Amino acid sequence: MESNIHEHSSAATTGILAFQARPSLFEFVAADSGVGVLATLREDEEFVDLTDHGLAMHAALQENVSRYGRVSGHGNGFRDLFLGLTHLNADLRFRSGDHALLISGPKPELKTARLAQKTPFIGFLAAVRCQPMVPGSTTRH
């Protein structure tokens, strides 16, 4: 998450990382006041016609999607995030431009994401709250 701030925001000095850890809860936030996901993706000719902040966020969370193009070998940071949350109950919130992308529940996956139009937000925010799953259940600990 930190490397994304430096590599994509065009405003790395505005970046912030924070976390809270307890025995049954872990939360972290990575945010910046940079150019946002839409502007970053549009740097690649494949995404130059993209005009929607929500669709840009949804695209950026997919494997191999980056401002460097799909074949560049970039765009895998969020894959690691989703893999790391496989056995946890999690709430993920991403914000950029005039949209939020929300994912909640056990084994969070991009295919369960919900997009919501919001008040404009400058930059990008990724907030994750996760708890271990109770064995044999889909409820939180």
N, C-alpha and C. Protein backbone atom coordinates (compact mmCIF):
# COMPACT_ATOMS: atom_id res chain seq x y z
N MET A 1 0.82 -1.19 0.00
CA MET A 1 0.00 0.00 0.00
C MET A 1 0.87 1.27 0.00
N GLU A 2 1.94 1.23 0.78
CA GLU A 2 2.80 2.41 0.83
C GLU A 2 3.44 2.68 -0.52
N SER A 3 3.88 1.64 -1.18
CA SER A 3 4.55 1.86 -2.47
C SER A 3 3.59 2.46 -3.50
N ASN A 4 2.29 2.14 -3.40
CA ASN A 4 1.32 2.75 -4.32
C ASN A 4 1.25 4.26 -4.14
N ILE A 5 1.37 4.72 -2.89
CA ILE A 5 1.35 6.16 -2.64
C ILE A 5 2.52 6.82 -3.37
N HIS A 6 3.71 6.24 -3.25
CA HIS A 6 4.89 6.81 -3.88
C HIS A 6 4.85 6.69 -5.41
N GLU A 7 4.35 5.58 -5.88
CA GLU A 7 4.40 5.30 -7.31
C GLU A 7 3.27 5.94 -8.12
N HIS A 8 2.10 6.11 -7.51
CA HIS A 8 0.94 6.52 -8.31
C HIS A 8 0.28 7.84 -7.93
N SER A 9 0.48 8.35 -6.74
CA SER A 9 -0.32 9.49 -6.29
C SER A 9 0.10 10.83 -6.88
N SER A 10 1.35 10.97 -7.29
CA SER A 10 1.92 12.25 -7.71
C SER A 10 1.92 13.27 -6.57
N ALA A 11 1.74 12.77 -5.34
CA ALA A 11 1.77 13.64 -4.15
C ALA A 11 2.17 12.80 -2.95
N ALA A 12 3.30 12.12 -3.05
CA ALA A 12 3.71 11.17 -2.01
C ALA A 12 3.85 11.82 -0.64
N THR A 13 4.19 13.10 -0.59
CA THR A 13 4.36 13.75 0.72
C THR A 13 3.03 13.91 1.45
N THR A 14 1.91 13.72 0.76
CA THR A 14 0.60 13.80 1.43
C THR A 14 0.16 12.46 1.98
N GLY A 15 0.91 11.42 1.70
CA GLY A 15 0.52 10.07 2.09
C GLY A 15 0.51 9.85 3.59
N ILE A 16 -0.39 8.99 4.01
CA ILE A 16 -0.47 8.62 5.43
C ILE A 16 -0.77 7.13 5.52
N LEU A 17 -0.11 6.49 6.47
CA LEU A 17 -0.36 5.09 6.77
C LEU A 17 -0.64 5.01 8.26
N ALA A 18 -1.66 4.26 8.63
CA ALA A 18 -1.99 4.10 10.04
C ALA A 18 -2.55 2.71 10.25
N PHE A 19 -2.35 2.17 11.46
CA PHE A 19 -2.93 0.87 11.76
C PHE A 19 -3.24 0.79 13.24
N GLN A 20 -4.11 -0.14 13.55
CA GLN A 20 -4.45 -0.48 14.93
C GLN A 20 -4.51 -2.00 15.00
N ALA A 21 -3.87 -2.56 16.00
CA ALA A 21 -3.86 -4.02 16.16
C ALA A 21 -4.26 -4.39 17.58
N ARG A 22 -5.19 -5.31 17.68
CA ARG A 22 -5.59 -5.91 18.95
C ARG A 22 -5.68 -7.41 18.71
N PRO A 23 -5.82 -8.20 19.76
CA PRO A 23 -5.85 -9.65 19.55
C PRO A 23 -6.93 -10.13 18.56
N SER A 24 -8.08 -9.47 18.52
CA SER A 24 -9.15 -9.95 17.63
C SER A 24 -9.52 -8.95 16.54
N LEU A 25 -8.64 -7.97 16.29
CA LEU A 25 -8.97 -6.94 15.31
C LEU A 25 -7.70 -6.33 14.75
N PHE A 26 -7.70 -6.10 13.44
CA PHE A 26 -6.61 -5.37 12.81
C PHE A 26 -7.23 -4.41 11.81
N GLU A 27 -6.82 -3.16 11.86
CA GLU A 27 -7.29 -2.15 10.93
C GLU A 27 -6.10 -1.40 10.36
N PHE A 28 -6.19 -1.01 9.10
CA PHE A 28 -5.17 -0.13 8.55
C PHE A 28 -5.78 0.78 7.50
N VAL A 29 -5.11 1.90 7.31
CA VAL A 29 -5.52 2.89 6.33
C VAL A 29 -4.28 3.35 5.58
N ALA A 30 -4.41 3.46 4.28
CA ALA A 30 -3.39 4.08 3.44
C ALA A 30 -4.13 5.12 2.61
N ALA A 31 -3.67 6.35 2.65
CA ALA A 31 -4.37 7.41 1.93
C ALA A 31 -3.39 8.47 1.45
N ASP A 32 -3.83 9.23 0.45
CA ASP A 32 -3.05 10.35 -0.05
C ASP A 32 -3.99 11.38 -0.64
N SER A 33 -3.48 12.55 -0.88
CA SER A 33 -4.25 13.63 -1.52
C SER A 33 -3.73 13.87 -2.94
N GLY A 34 -3.46 12.78 -3.61
CA GLY A 34 -2.88 12.87 -4.95
C GLY A 34 -3.91 13.00 -6.06
N VAL A 35 -3.55 12.51 -7.22
CA VAL A 35 -4.36 12.70 -8.43
C VAL A 35 -5.55 11.76 -8.51
N GLY A 36 -5.56 10.69 -7.73
CA GLY A 36 -6.67 9.74 -7.75
C GLY A 36 -6.48 8.64 -8.78
N VAL A 37 -7.31 7.62 -8.64
CA VAL A 37 -7.18 6.42 -9.47
C VAL A 37 -7.49 6.70 -10.93
N LEU A 38 -8.54 7.43 -11.21
CA LEU A 38 -8.93 7.69 -12.60
C LEU A 38 -7.80 8.38 -13.37
N ALA A 39 -7.26 9.44 -12.82
CA ALA A 39 -6.18 10.16 -13.50
C ALA A 39 -4.95 9.28 -13.69
N THR A 40 -4.66 8.46 -12.70
CA THR A 40 -3.49 7.58 -12.79
C THR A 40 -3.67 6.55 -13.90
N LEU A 41 -4.83 5.88 -13.94
CA LEU A 41 -5.06 4.86 -14.97
C LEU A 41 -5.06 5.48 -16.37
N ARG A 42 -5.59 6.68 -16.48
CA ARG A 42 -5.69 7.32 -17.80
C ARG A 42 -4.33 7.65 -18.40
N GLU A 43 -3.26 7.49 -17.64
CA GLU A 43 -1.92 7.69 -18.19
C GLU A 43 -1.55 6.61 -19.20
N ASP A 44 -2.25 5.47 -19.14
CA ASP A 44 -2.01 4.40 -20.11
C ASP A 44 -3.05 4.50 -21.21
N GLU A 45 -2.63 4.31 -22.47
CA GLU A 45 -3.55 4.46 -23.60
C GLU A 45 -4.74 3.50 -23.52
N GLU A 46 -4.58 2.37 -22.85
CA GLU A 46 -5.68 1.41 -22.71
C GLU A 46 -6.85 2.00 -21.92
N PHE A 47 -6.55 2.92 -21.00
CA PHE A 47 -7.58 3.47 -20.12
C PHE A 47 -7.88 4.94 -20.38
N VAL A 48 -7.36 5.50 -21.46
CA VAL A 48 -7.49 6.93 -21.72
C VAL A 48 -8.96 7.36 -21.87
N ASP A 49 -9.84 6.48 -22.31
CA ASP A 49 -11.25 6.82 -22.49
C ASP A 49 -12.08 6.59 -21.23
N LEU A 50 -11.49 6.09 -20.17
CA LEU A 50 -12.19 5.86 -18.91
C LEU A 50 -12.54 7.21 -18.29
N THR A 51 -13.81 7.39 -17.92
CA THR A 51 -14.24 8.69 -17.37
C THR A 51 -14.94 8.56 -16.03
N ASP A 52 -15.13 7.37 -15.53
CA ASP A 52 -15.89 7.14 -14.30
C ASP A 52 -14.96 6.71 -13.17
N HIS A 53 -14.98 7.44 -12.04
CA HIS A 53 -14.11 7.13 -10.91
C HIS A 53 -14.40 5.74 -10.33
N GLY A 54 -15.66 5.36 -10.26
CA GLY A 54 -16.01 4.05 -9.71
C GLY A 54 -15.49 2.92 -10.57
N LEU A 55 -15.68 3.02 -11.87
CA LEU A 55 -15.18 1.98 -12.77
C LEU A 55 -13.65 1.95 -12.76
N ALA A 56 -13.02 3.10 -12.60
CA ALA A 56 -11.56 3.15 -12.51
C ALA A 56 -11.08 2.42 -11.26
N MET A 57 -11.75 2.64 -10.12
CA MET A 57 -11.34 1.94 -8.90
C MET A 57 -11.53 0.44 -9.05
N HIS A 58 -12.68 0.04 -9.61
CA HIS A 58 -12.94 -1.38 -9.80
C HIS A 58 -11.87 -2.00 -10.69
N ALA A 59 -11.49 -1.30 -11.74
CA ALA A 59 -10.45 -1.80 -12.65
C ALA A 59 -9.11 -1.89 -11.93
N ALA A 60 -8.75 -0.86 -11.17
CA ALA A 60 -7.43 -0.81 -10.52
C ALA A 60 -7.25 -1.91 -9.49
N LEU A 61 -8.34 -2.43 -8.94
CA LEU A 61 -8.25 -3.50 -7.94
C LEU A 61 -8.09 -4.88 -8.57
N GLN A 62 -8.18 -4.96 -9.89
CA GLN A 62 -8.02 -6.22 -10.59
C GLN A 62 -6.53 -6.51 -10.83
N GLU A 63 -6.23 -7.79 -11.00
CA GLU A 63 -4.84 -8.19 -11.26
C GLU A 63 -4.37 -7.61 -12.59
N ASN A 64 -3.12 -7.20 -12.60
CA ASN A 64 -2.42 -6.72 -13.80
C ASN A 64 -2.95 -5.41 -14.36
N VAL A 65 -3.75 -4.67 -13.60
CA VAL A 65 -4.22 -3.38 -14.07
C VAL A 65 -3.40 -2.30 -13.38
N SER A 66 -2.81 -1.45 -14.20
CA SER A 66 -1.92 -0.41 -13.71
C SER A 66 -1.83 0.70 -14.74
N ARG A 67 -1.35 1.84 -14.31
CA ARG A 67 -1.13 2.94 -15.26
C ARG A 67 -0.06 2.59 -16.27
N TYR A 68 0.67 1.49 -16.03
CA TYR A 68 1.70 1.04 -16.95
C TYR A 68 1.15 0.04 -17.98
N GLY A 69 -0.13 -0.29 -17.90
CA GLY A 69 -0.74 -1.23 -18.82
C GLY A 69 -0.79 -2.64 -18.26
N ARG A 70 -1.64 -3.45 -18.83
CA ARG A 70 -1.88 -4.81 -18.33
C ARG A 70 -0.69 -5.74 -18.52
N VAL A 71 0.13 -5.50 -19.52
CA VAL A 71 1.23 -6.43 -19.82
C VAL A 71 2.55 -6.00 -19.19
N SER A 72 2.52 -5.00 -18.33
CA SER A 72 3.75 -4.43 -17.77
C SER A 72 4.32 -5.23 -16.60
N GLY A 73 3.52 -6.13 -16.01
CA GLY A 73 3.97 -6.83 -14.83
C GLY A 73 3.64 -6.08 -13.55
N HIS A 74 3.03 -4.91 -13.67
CA HIS A 74 2.60 -4.12 -12.52
C HIS A 74 1.12 -4.43 -12.24
N GLY A 75 0.61 -3.90 -11.15
CA GLY A 75 -0.81 -4.02 -10.87
C GLY A 75 -1.18 -5.27 -10.10
N ASN A 76 -0.31 -5.71 -9.20
CA ASN A 76 -0.62 -6.92 -8.43
C ASN A 76 -0.70 -6.69 -6.93
N GLY A 77 -0.55 -5.45 -6.48
CA GLY A 77 -0.56 -5.17 -5.06
C GLY A 77 -1.86 -5.50 -4.37
N PHE A 78 -2.97 -5.26 -5.02
CA PHE A 78 -4.26 -5.55 -4.40
C PHE A 78 -4.56 -7.04 -4.39
N ARG A 79 -3.99 -7.78 -5.33
CA ARG A 79 -4.13 -9.24 -5.30
C ARG A 79 -3.58 -9.77 -3.98
N ASP A 80 -2.43 -9.27 -3.58
CA ASP A 80 -1.83 -9.70 -2.31
C ASP A 80 -2.72 -9.35 -1.12
N LEU A 81 -3.35 -8.18 -1.19
CA LEU A 81 -4.28 -7.79 -0.12
C LEU A 81 -5.44 -8.78 -0.03
N PHE A 82 -6.07 -9.07 -1.16
CA PHE A 82 -7.20 -9.99 -1.15
C PHE A 82 -6.79 -11.39 -0.70
N LEU A 83 -5.63 -11.86 -1.12
CA LEU A 83 -5.14 -13.17 -0.69
C LEU A 83 -4.89 -13.19 0.82
N GLY A 84 -4.35 -12.10 1.35
CA GLY A 84 -4.08 -12.02 2.78
C GLY A 84 -5.32 -12.01 3.63
N LEU A 85 -6.45 -11.65 3.05
CA LEU A 85 -7.71 -11.58 3.80
C LEU A 85 -8.59 -12.82 3.60
N THR A 86 -8.07 -13.82 2.91
CA THR A 86 -8.86 -15.00 2.55
C THR A 86 -9.55 -15.66 3.73
N HIS A 87 -8.90 -15.77 4.86
CA HIS A 87 -9.49 -16.48 6.00
C HIS A 87 -9.95 -15.54 7.10
N LEU A 88 -10.30 -14.33 6.70
CA LEU A 88 -10.73 -13.33 7.67
C LEU A 88 -12.07 -12.74 7.26
N ASN A 89 -12.77 -12.23 8.23
CA ASN A 89 -13.94 -11.41 7.98
C ASN A 89 -13.42 -9.99 7.82
N ALA A 90 -13.78 -9.31 6.78
CA ALA A 90 -13.19 -8.00 6.54
C ALA A 90 -14.18 -7.02 5.96
N ASP A 91 -13.93 -5.76 6.24
CA ASP A 91 -14.64 -4.64 5.63
C ASP A 91 -13.57 -3.82 4.93
N LEU A 92 -13.70 -3.67 3.63
CA LEU A 92 -12.75 -2.90 2.84
C LEU A 92 -13.49 -1.71 2.24
N ARG A 93 -12.87 -0.55 2.32
CA ARG A 93 -13.45 0.66 1.75
C ARG A 93 -12.36 1.38 0.97
N PHE A 94 -12.67 1.65 -0.28
CA PHE A 94 -11.76 2.39 -1.14
C PHE A 94 -12.49 3.65 -1.60
N ARG A 95 -11.78 4.78 -1.65
CA ARG A 95 -12.37 6.06 -2.08
C ARG A 95 -11.44 6.73 -3.05
N SER A 96 -12.02 7.26 -4.10
CA SER A 96 -11.29 8.09 -5.05
C SER A 96 -12.32 8.82 -5.90
N GLY A 97 -12.06 10.07 -6.16
CA GLY A 97 -13.01 10.83 -6.96
C GLY A 97 -14.36 10.89 -6.29
N ASP A 98 -15.41 10.64 -7.06
CA ASP A 98 -16.76 10.73 -6.51
C ASP A 98 -17.39 9.37 -6.23
N HIS A 99 -16.56 8.38 -5.92
CA HIS A 99 -17.07 7.05 -5.64
C HIS A 99 -16.38 6.39 -4.45
N ALA A 100 -17.12 5.47 -3.85
CA ALA A 100 -16.58 4.55 -2.85
C ALA A 100 -16.81 3.15 -3.40
N LEU A 101 -15.88 2.27 -3.14
CA LEU A 101 -16.02 0.86 -3.49
C LEU A 101 -15.92 0.11 -2.17
N LEU A 102 -16.94 -0.69 -1.87
CA LEU A 102 -17.06 -1.37 -0.59
C LEU A 102 -17.12 -2.86 -0.78
N ILE A 103 -16.39 -3.58 0.05
CA ILE A 103 -16.41 -5.04 0.06
C ILE A 103 -16.49 -5.46 1.51
N SER A 104 -17.41 -6.38 1.81
CA SER A 104 -17.58 -6.81 3.20
C SER A 104 -17.84 -8.30 3.28
N GLY A 105 -17.42 -8.88 4.40
CA GLY A 105 -17.79 -10.25 4.69
C GLY A 105 -16.62 -11.20 4.75
N PRO A 106 -16.95 -12.48 4.95
CA PRO A 106 -15.89 -13.49 4.99
C PRO A 106 -15.30 -13.69 3.60
N LYS A 107 -14.02 -13.91 3.55
CA LYS A 107 -13.32 -14.13 2.28
C LYS A 107 -13.65 -13.04 1.26
N PRO A 108 -13.32 -11.79 1.55
CA PRO A 108 -13.69 -10.69 0.64
C PRO A 108 -13.06 -10.84 -0.74
N GLU A 109 -13.88 -10.58 -1.74
CA GLU A 109 -13.44 -10.69 -3.14
C GLU A 109 -13.98 -9.51 -3.92
N LEU A 110 -13.29 -9.14 -4.96
CA LEU A 110 -13.71 -8.03 -5.79
C LEU A 110 -15.07 -8.27 -6.43
N LYS A 111 -15.40 -9.53 -6.71
CA LYS A 111 -16.68 -9.80 -7.37
C LYS A 111 -17.88 -9.47 -6.47
N THR A 112 -17.66 -9.26 -5.18
CA THR A 112 -18.77 -8.88 -4.28
C THR A 112 -18.77 -7.38 -3.99
N ALA A 113 -17.96 -6.62 -4.71
CA ALA A 113 -17.84 -5.18 -4.46
C ALA A 113 -19.12 -4.43 -4.80
N ARG A 114 -19.35 -3.37 -4.03
CA ARG A 114 -20.47 -2.46 -4.28
C ARG A 114 -19.90 -1.07 -4.52
N LEU A 115 -20.35 -0.44 -5.57
CA LEU A 115 -19.94 0.94 -5.86
C LEU A 115 -21.03 1.89 -5.38
N ALA A 116 -20.62 3.02 -4.83
CA ALA A 116 -21.58 4.02 -4.38
C ALA A 116 -21.05 5.40 -4.73
N GLN A 117 -21.92 6.23 -5.30
CA GLN A 117 -21.51 7.60 -5.60
C GLN A 117 -21.48 8.40 -4.30
N LYS A 118 -20.46 9.21 -4.15
CA LYS A 118 -20.22 9.98 -2.92
C LYS A 118 -19.79 11.40 -3.26
N THR A 119 -19.65 12.20 -2.23
CA THR A 119 -19.08 13.53 -2.38
C THR A 119 -17.64 13.38 -2.88
N PRO A 120 -17.19 14.24 -3.78
CA PRO A 120 -15.83 14.10 -4.31
C PRO A 120 -14.76 14.04 -3.22
N PHE A 121 -13.80 13.17 -3.45
CA PHE A 121 -12.68 12.93 -2.56
C PHE A 121 -11.41 13.13 -3.37
N ILE A 122 -10.49 13.90 -2.87
CA ILE A 122 -9.24 14.14 -3.59
C ILE A 122 -8.22 13.08 -3.16
N GLY A 123 -7.69 12.36 -4.13
CA GLY A 123 -6.68 11.35 -3.84
C GLY A 123 -7.25 9.95 -3.81
N PHE A 124 -6.68 9.12 -2.96
CA PHE A 124 -7.08 7.72 -2.84
C PHE A 124 -7.01 7.30 -1.39
N LEU A 125 -7.96 6.50 -0.97
CA LEU A 125 -7.99 5.96 0.38
C LEU A 125 -8.31 4.48 0.32
N ALA A 126 -7.55 3.69 1.04
CA ALA A 126 -7.84 2.27 1.23
C ALA A 126 -7.91 2.03 2.73
N ALA A 127 -9.06 1.57 3.21
CA ALA A 127 -9.24 1.30 4.64
C ALA A 127 -9.71 -0.14 4.79
N VAL A 128 -9.05 -0.89 5.65
CA VAL A 128 -9.37 -2.30 5.84
C VAL A 128 -9.50 -2.57 7.34
N ARG A 129 -10.58 -3.24 7.69
CA ARG A 129 -10.81 -3.69 9.07
C ARG A 129 -11.07 -5.19 8.99
N CYS A 130 -10.29 -5.98 9.71
CA CYS A 130 -10.47 -7.42 9.61
C CYS A 130 -10.39 -8.08 10.98
N GLN A 131 -11.12 -9.19 11.07
CA GLN A 131 -11.17 -10.00 12.28
C GLN A 131 -11.08 -11.46 11.88
N PRO A 132 -10.49 -12.28 12.74
CA PRO A 132 -10.44 -13.71 12.42
C PRO A 132 -11.84 -14.30 12.39
N MET A 133 -12.02 -15.31 11.58
CA MET A 133 -13.30 -16.00 11.53
C MET A 133 -13.36 -17.03 12.64
N VAL A 134 -14.56 -17.21 13.19
CA VAL A 134 -14.77 -18.24 14.18
C VAL A 134 -14.77 -19.57 13.44
N PRO A 135 -13.98 -20.57 13.89
CA PRO A 135 -13.91 -21.85 13.18
C PRO A 135 -15.31 -22.46 12.96
N GLY A 136 -15.56 -22.91 11.72
CA GLY A 136 -16.83 -23.54 11.38
C GLY A 136 -17.98 -22.57 11.21
N SER A 137 -17.68 -21.27 11.06
CA SER A 137 -18.73 -20.27 10.99
C SER A 137 -18.34 -19.18 10.01
N THR A 138 -19.30 -18.35 9.66
CA THR A 138 -19.01 -17.19 8.83
C THR A 138 -19.23 -15.91 9.63
N THR A 139 -19.26 -16.04 10.96
CA THR A 139 -19.44 -14.88 11.81
C THR A 139 -18.11 -14.39 12.35
N ARG A 140 -18.14 -13.17 12.83
CA ARG A 140 -16.92 -12.57 13.35
C ARG A 140 -16.65 -13.03 14.76
N HIS A 141 -15.37 -12.98 15.09
CA HIS A 141 -14.89 -13.38 16.40
C HIS A 141 -15.27 -12.36 17.46
